[in-house]
Amino acid sequence: MLYVAHLSKDKKLKKIIDEQPAVRLKKEKNICVYLCYSIISQQLSTKVAAIISQRFLDLYNGQEPTAQQIVETPVEKLRGIGMSNAKTNYVQNVARFELEQGMAFTKLNKMNDEEVIAYLTQIKGVGRWTSEMLLMFALCREDVFAVDDLGVQIAMAKIYKIDNTDKKQLKEKMIQLSNKWSPYRTYACLHLWQWKDNAPTVKKSKLTEKVT
C-alpha cells in the first residue's frame, strides 16, 4: 500500500500501522442513500444503527430507495422504524435536495473537498463532519482530516500525549501533526479509529479523563 511508507515516517503512527491490517477505501455510488444511512447512524451504537438501517431498507422491500420514494414515504412510517422526528426530517431533506439540486457521484467527484462540503452542508441536517465522512467513505478522497471527530481527537490526545484542556489548542496541534501525513490523512484517520476501538486498557490519567 502506497500510504504505508509515507505515514510510517511518523514513528508513533508507524507502530500503530504495523500492528493493524492495511485499510482500503471503497466508492459508494448512491450518495443520497449513503447520506441517509449516515444520518440514521448518528449518535447510535453500531448495533442499533445497523438494525434501524435494515428497517429503513425493509420499507422498500430490501432495495435501496430512490429519492422520490423517500420523499413520498409518510413521516409516520419513518418514525415507526425508530428514527427521531429530527432524523426523519433530515433524511427527507437529503432526498429533496437530490431531486432539486442533484448529488450524483459524477457531479460531486468533479468538485474539490471544500466545494463538496459547501455544497452538501446546504442541506439542513448535514454538517461538516457528515460531509467529511462522505468524502472519505463514499468519494474515497485520500487526504481528508476529520479534526472535529471525537474518536480521532481521543486517539491523537492519547498517542501524542496532547493536553486537551483547551479544545482550540488541541485542534491546532492535531492539524500541525496531521500536515506531515498529507496526502494520505484519510488512511491515518482510519488507523487512528481502529486503534481507538482496540486501544489497550490503561490506568486513567488526568489527560484521558478529560478526553473520554
Protein backbone atom coordinates (compact mmCIF):
# COMPACT_ATOMS: atom_id res chain seq x y z
CA MET A 1 0.00 0.00 0.00
CA LEU A 2 1.44 3.35 -1.06
CA TYR A 3 0.25 5.20 2.03
CA VAL A 4 2.05 2.92 4.49
CA ALA A 5 5.59 4.05 3.63
CA HIS A 6 4.62 7.71 3.83
CA LEU A 7 2.71 7.52 7.12
CA SER A 8 5.40 5.30 8.64
CA LYS A 9 7.75 8.29 8.69
CA ASP A 10 5.80 9.21 11.83
CA LYS A 11 7.26 6.74 14.33
CA LYS A 12 4.23 6.73 16.63
CA LEU A 13 1.84 6.21 13.77
CA LYS A 14 4.12 3.54 12.27
CA LYS A 15 3.85 1.48 15.45
CA ILE A 16 0.06 1.53 15.14
CA ILE A 17 0.04 0.74 11.42
CA ASP A 18 2.46 -2.16 11.89
CA GLU A 19 0.03 -3.79 14.33
CA GLN A 20 -3.03 -3.43 12.09
CA PRO A 21 -4.15 -4.79 8.73
CA ALA A 22 -3.97 -2.44 5.76
CA VAL A 23 -7.08 -0.35 5.16
CA ARG A 24 -8.78 0.30 1.84
CA LEU A 25 -11.38 2.73 0.55
CA LYS A 26 -14.41 1.65 -1.48
CA LYS A 27 -16.52 4.05 -3.53
CA GLU A 28 -20.25 4.33 -2.86
CA LYS A 29 -22.13 5.49 -5.94
CA ASN A 30 -25.55 6.09 -4.31
CA ILE A 31 -24.71 9.30 -2.47
CA CYS A 32 -28.31 10.05 -1.46
CA VAL A 33 -28.79 6.72 0.31
CA TYR A 34 -25.29 6.91 1.82
CA LEU A 35 -26.18 10.26 3.42
CA CYS A 36 -29.47 8.84 4.69
CA TYR A 37 -27.63 5.96 6.37
CA SER A 38 -25.12 8.40 7.81
CA ILE A 39 -27.89 10.49 9.37
CA ILE A 40 -29.70 7.41 10.68
CA SER A 41 -26.49 6.17 12.35
CA GLN A 42 -25.54 9.37 14.13
CA GLN A 43 -25.28 9.12 17.94
CA LEU A 44 -26.24 5.44 17.88
CA SER A 45 -24.23 2.33 18.68
CA THR A 46 -23.09 0.30 15.70
CA LYS A 47 -25.58 -2.45 16.57
CA VAL A 48 -28.60 -0.16 16.89
CA ALA A 49 -27.64 1.78 13.77
CA ALA A 50 -27.46 -1.47 11.78
CA ILE A 51 -30.91 -2.53 12.99
CA ILE A 52 -32.58 0.77 12.08
CA SER A 53 -30.76 0.95 8.74
CA GLN A 54 -32.08 -2.53 7.88
CA ARG A 55 -35.59 -1.47 8.89
CA PHE A 56 -35.20 1.55 6.61
CA LEU A 57 -34.24 -0.76 3.73
CA ASP A 58 -37.12 -3.09 4.52
CA LEU A 59 -39.56 -0.23 3.93
CA TYR A 60 -38.58 -0.55 0.27
CA ASN A 61 -38.62 -4.36 0.01
CA GLY A 62 -34.91 -4.62 0.77
CA GLN A 63 -33.89 -2.42 -2.17
CA GLU A 64 -32.10 0.93 -1.93
CA PRO A 65 -34.85 3.53 -2.40
CA THR A 66 -34.86 6.36 -4.88
CA ALA A 67 -35.01 9.93 -3.62
CA GLN A 68 -38.60 10.13 -4.87
CA GLN A 69 -39.58 7.07 -2.83
CA ILE A 70 -38.03 8.55 0.31
CA VAL A 71 -39.85 11.88 -0.16
CA GLU A 72 -43.14 10.04 -0.68
CA THR A 73 -42.71 7.87 2.43
CA PRO A 74 -45.09 9.09 5.17
CA VAL A 75 -43.34 10.57 8.17
CA GLU A 76 -45.19 8.11 10.41
CA LYS A 77 -43.60 5.14 8.60
CA LEU A 78 -40.10 6.57 9.03
CA ARG A 79 -40.77 7.36 12.68
CA GLY A 80 -42.12 3.85 13.09
CA ILE A 81 -38.74 2.21 12.40
CA GLY A 82 -37.13 4.03 15.32
CA MET A 83 -36.00 7.30 13.76
CA SER A 84 -36.36 10.52 15.72
CA ASN A 85 -38.50 13.32 14.33
CA ALA A 86 -35.37 15.34 13.54
CA LYS A 87 -33.68 12.47 11.68
CA THR A 88 -36.87 11.80 9.73
CA ASN A 89 -36.89 15.41 8.55
CA TYR A 90 -33.16 15.34 7.74
CA VAL A 91 -33.46 12.16 5.66
CA GLN A 92 -36.28 13.69 3.65
CA ASN A 93 -34.27 16.91 3.30
CA VAL A 94 -31.48 14.85 1.70
CA ALA A 95 -33.91 13.22 -0.71
CA ARG A 96 -35.46 16.57 -1.70
CA PHE A 97 -32.01 18.04 -2.30
CA GLU A 98 -31.19 15.09 -4.56
CA LEU A 99 -34.35 15.74 -6.59
CA GLU A 100 -33.93 19.51 -6.75
CA GLN A 101 -30.15 20.01 -6.93
CA GLY A 102 -28.63 16.59 -7.56
CA MET A 103 -25.77 14.84 -5.79
CA ALA A 104 -24.69 12.20 -8.27
CA PHE A 105 -21.27 10.65 -7.68
CA THR A 106 -20.08 12.02 -11.03
CA LYS A 107 -21.21 15.54 -10.06
CA LEU A 108 -19.56 15.57 -6.64
CA ASN A 109 -16.42 13.90 -7.96
CA LYS A 110 -15.73 16.98 -10.12
CA MET A 111 -15.61 19.19 -7.01
CA ASN A 112 -12.69 19.60 -4.64
CA ASP A 113 -13.14 18.70 -0.96
CA GLU A 114 -14.20 22.13 0.25
CA GLU A 115 -16.62 22.54 -2.65
CA VAL A 116 -18.28 19.23 -1.75
CA ILE A 117 -18.56 20.29 1.90
CA ALA A 118 -20.02 23.70 0.97
CA TYR A 119 -22.48 22.06 -1.42
CA LEU A 120 -23.76 19.37 0.92
CA THR A 121 -23.95 21.49 4.07
CA GLN A 122 -26.70 23.48 2.36
CA ILE A 123 -28.90 20.55 3.42
CA LYS A 124 -30.38 21.01 6.88
CA GLY A 125 -29.13 18.05 8.89
CA VAL A 126 -25.86 17.61 7.00
CA GLY A 127 -22.88 19.22 8.71
CA ARG A 128 -19.19 19.38 8.02
CA TRP A 129 -18.41 16.12 9.85
CA THR A 130 -21.02 14.19 7.84
CA SER A 131 -19.64 15.68 4.63
CA GLU A 132 -16.09 14.71 5.59
CA MET A 133 -17.19 11.13 6.25
CA LEU A 134 -18.79 11.09 2.81
CA LEU A 135 -15.58 12.39 1.24
CA MET A 136 -13.68 9.56 2.91
CA PHE A 137 -16.05 6.64 2.61
CA ALA A 138 -18.13 7.39 -0.48
CA LEU A 139 -15.90 9.52 -2.72
CA CYS A 140 -12.70 7.84 -1.45
CA ARG A 141 -10.73 11.05 -1.05
CA GLU A 142 -7.37 10.08 0.43
CA ASP A 143 -6.40 13.33 2.13
CA VAL A 144 -9.28 14.26 4.45
CA PHE A 145 -8.53 15.01 8.08
CA ALA A 146 -11.50 14.86 10.46
CA VAL A 147 -10.21 17.22 13.13
CA ASP A 148 -13.65 17.55 14.75
CA ASP A 149 -14.18 13.80 15.08
CA LEU A 150 -14.20 12.77 18.75
CA GLY A 151 -12.59 9.40 18.03
CA VAL A 152 -9.67 11.00 16.20
CA GLN A 153 -9.31 13.55 19.00
CA ILE A 154 -9.25 10.86 21.68
CA ALA A 155 -6.74 8.72 19.77
CA MET A 156 -4.35 11.58 18.99
CA ALA A 157 -4.56 13.01 22.52
CA LYS A 158 -3.54 9.64 23.95
CA ILE A 159 -0.95 8.63 21.36
CA TYR A 160 0.79 12.01 21.13
CA LYS A 161 0.17 12.95 24.77
CA ILE A 162 -1.54 16.22 23.91
CA ASP A 163 -3.01 18.26 26.75
CA ASN A 164 -6.55 18.82 25.53
CA THR A 165 -7.73 21.21 28.24
CA ASP A 166 -8.20 23.80 25.52
CA LYS A 167 -10.08 22.34 22.52
CA LYS A 168 -8.79 25.08 20.23
CA GLN A 169 -5.18 24.28 21.10
CA LEU A 170 -5.88 20.56 20.76
CA LYS A 171 -7.17 21.02 17.22
CA GLU A 172 -4.28 23.29 16.30
CA LYS A 173 -1.80 20.65 17.48
CA MET A 174 -3.73 17.90 15.68
CA ILE A 175 -3.66 19.83 12.40
CA GLN A 176 0.06 20.54 12.85
CA LEU A 177 0.78 16.83 13.36
CA SER A 178 -1.51 15.78 10.51
CA ASN A 179 0.11 18.06 7.95
CA LYS A 180 3.04 15.67 7.60
CA TRP A 181 0.60 12.82 6.85
CA SER A 182 -0.68 14.56 3.71
CA PRO A 183 -1.60 13.35 1.07
CA TYR A 184 -2.82 10.27 2.98
CA ARG A 185 -4.58 11.74 6.00
CA THR A 186 -7.73 9.71 5.41
CA TYR A 187 -5.76 6.49 5.94
CA ALA A 188 -4.23 7.95 9.10
CA CYS A 189 -7.73 8.61 10.45
CA LEU A 190 -8.78 5.04 9.61
CA HIS A 191 -5.86 3.64 11.58
CA LEU A 192 -6.49 6.02 14.48
CA TRP A 193 -10.13 4.92 14.68
CA GLN A 194 -9.08 1.28 14.56
CA TRP A 195 -6.51 1.86 17.30
CA LYS A 196 -9.05 3.65 19.49
CA ASP A 197 -11.51 0.76 19.21
CA ASN A 198 -8.76 -1.66 20.20
CA ALA A 199 -6.79 0.63 22.46
CA PRO A 200 -5.16 -1.15 25.42
CA THR A 201 -6.76 -0.62 28.82
CA VAL A 202 -4.54 1.65 30.88
CA LYS A 203 -4.88 3.43 34.18
CA LYS A 204 -6.73 6.66 33.58
CA SER A 205 -4.52 9.71 33.62
CA LYS A 206 -5.58 13.29 34.02
CA LEU A 207 -5.46 13.56 30.23
CA THR A 208 -7.60 10.52 29.40
CA GLU A 209 -10.19 11.52 31.95
CA LYS A 210 -10.59 14.82 30.18
CA VAL A 211 -10.85 13.28 26.72
CA THR A 212 -13.24 10.40 27.37
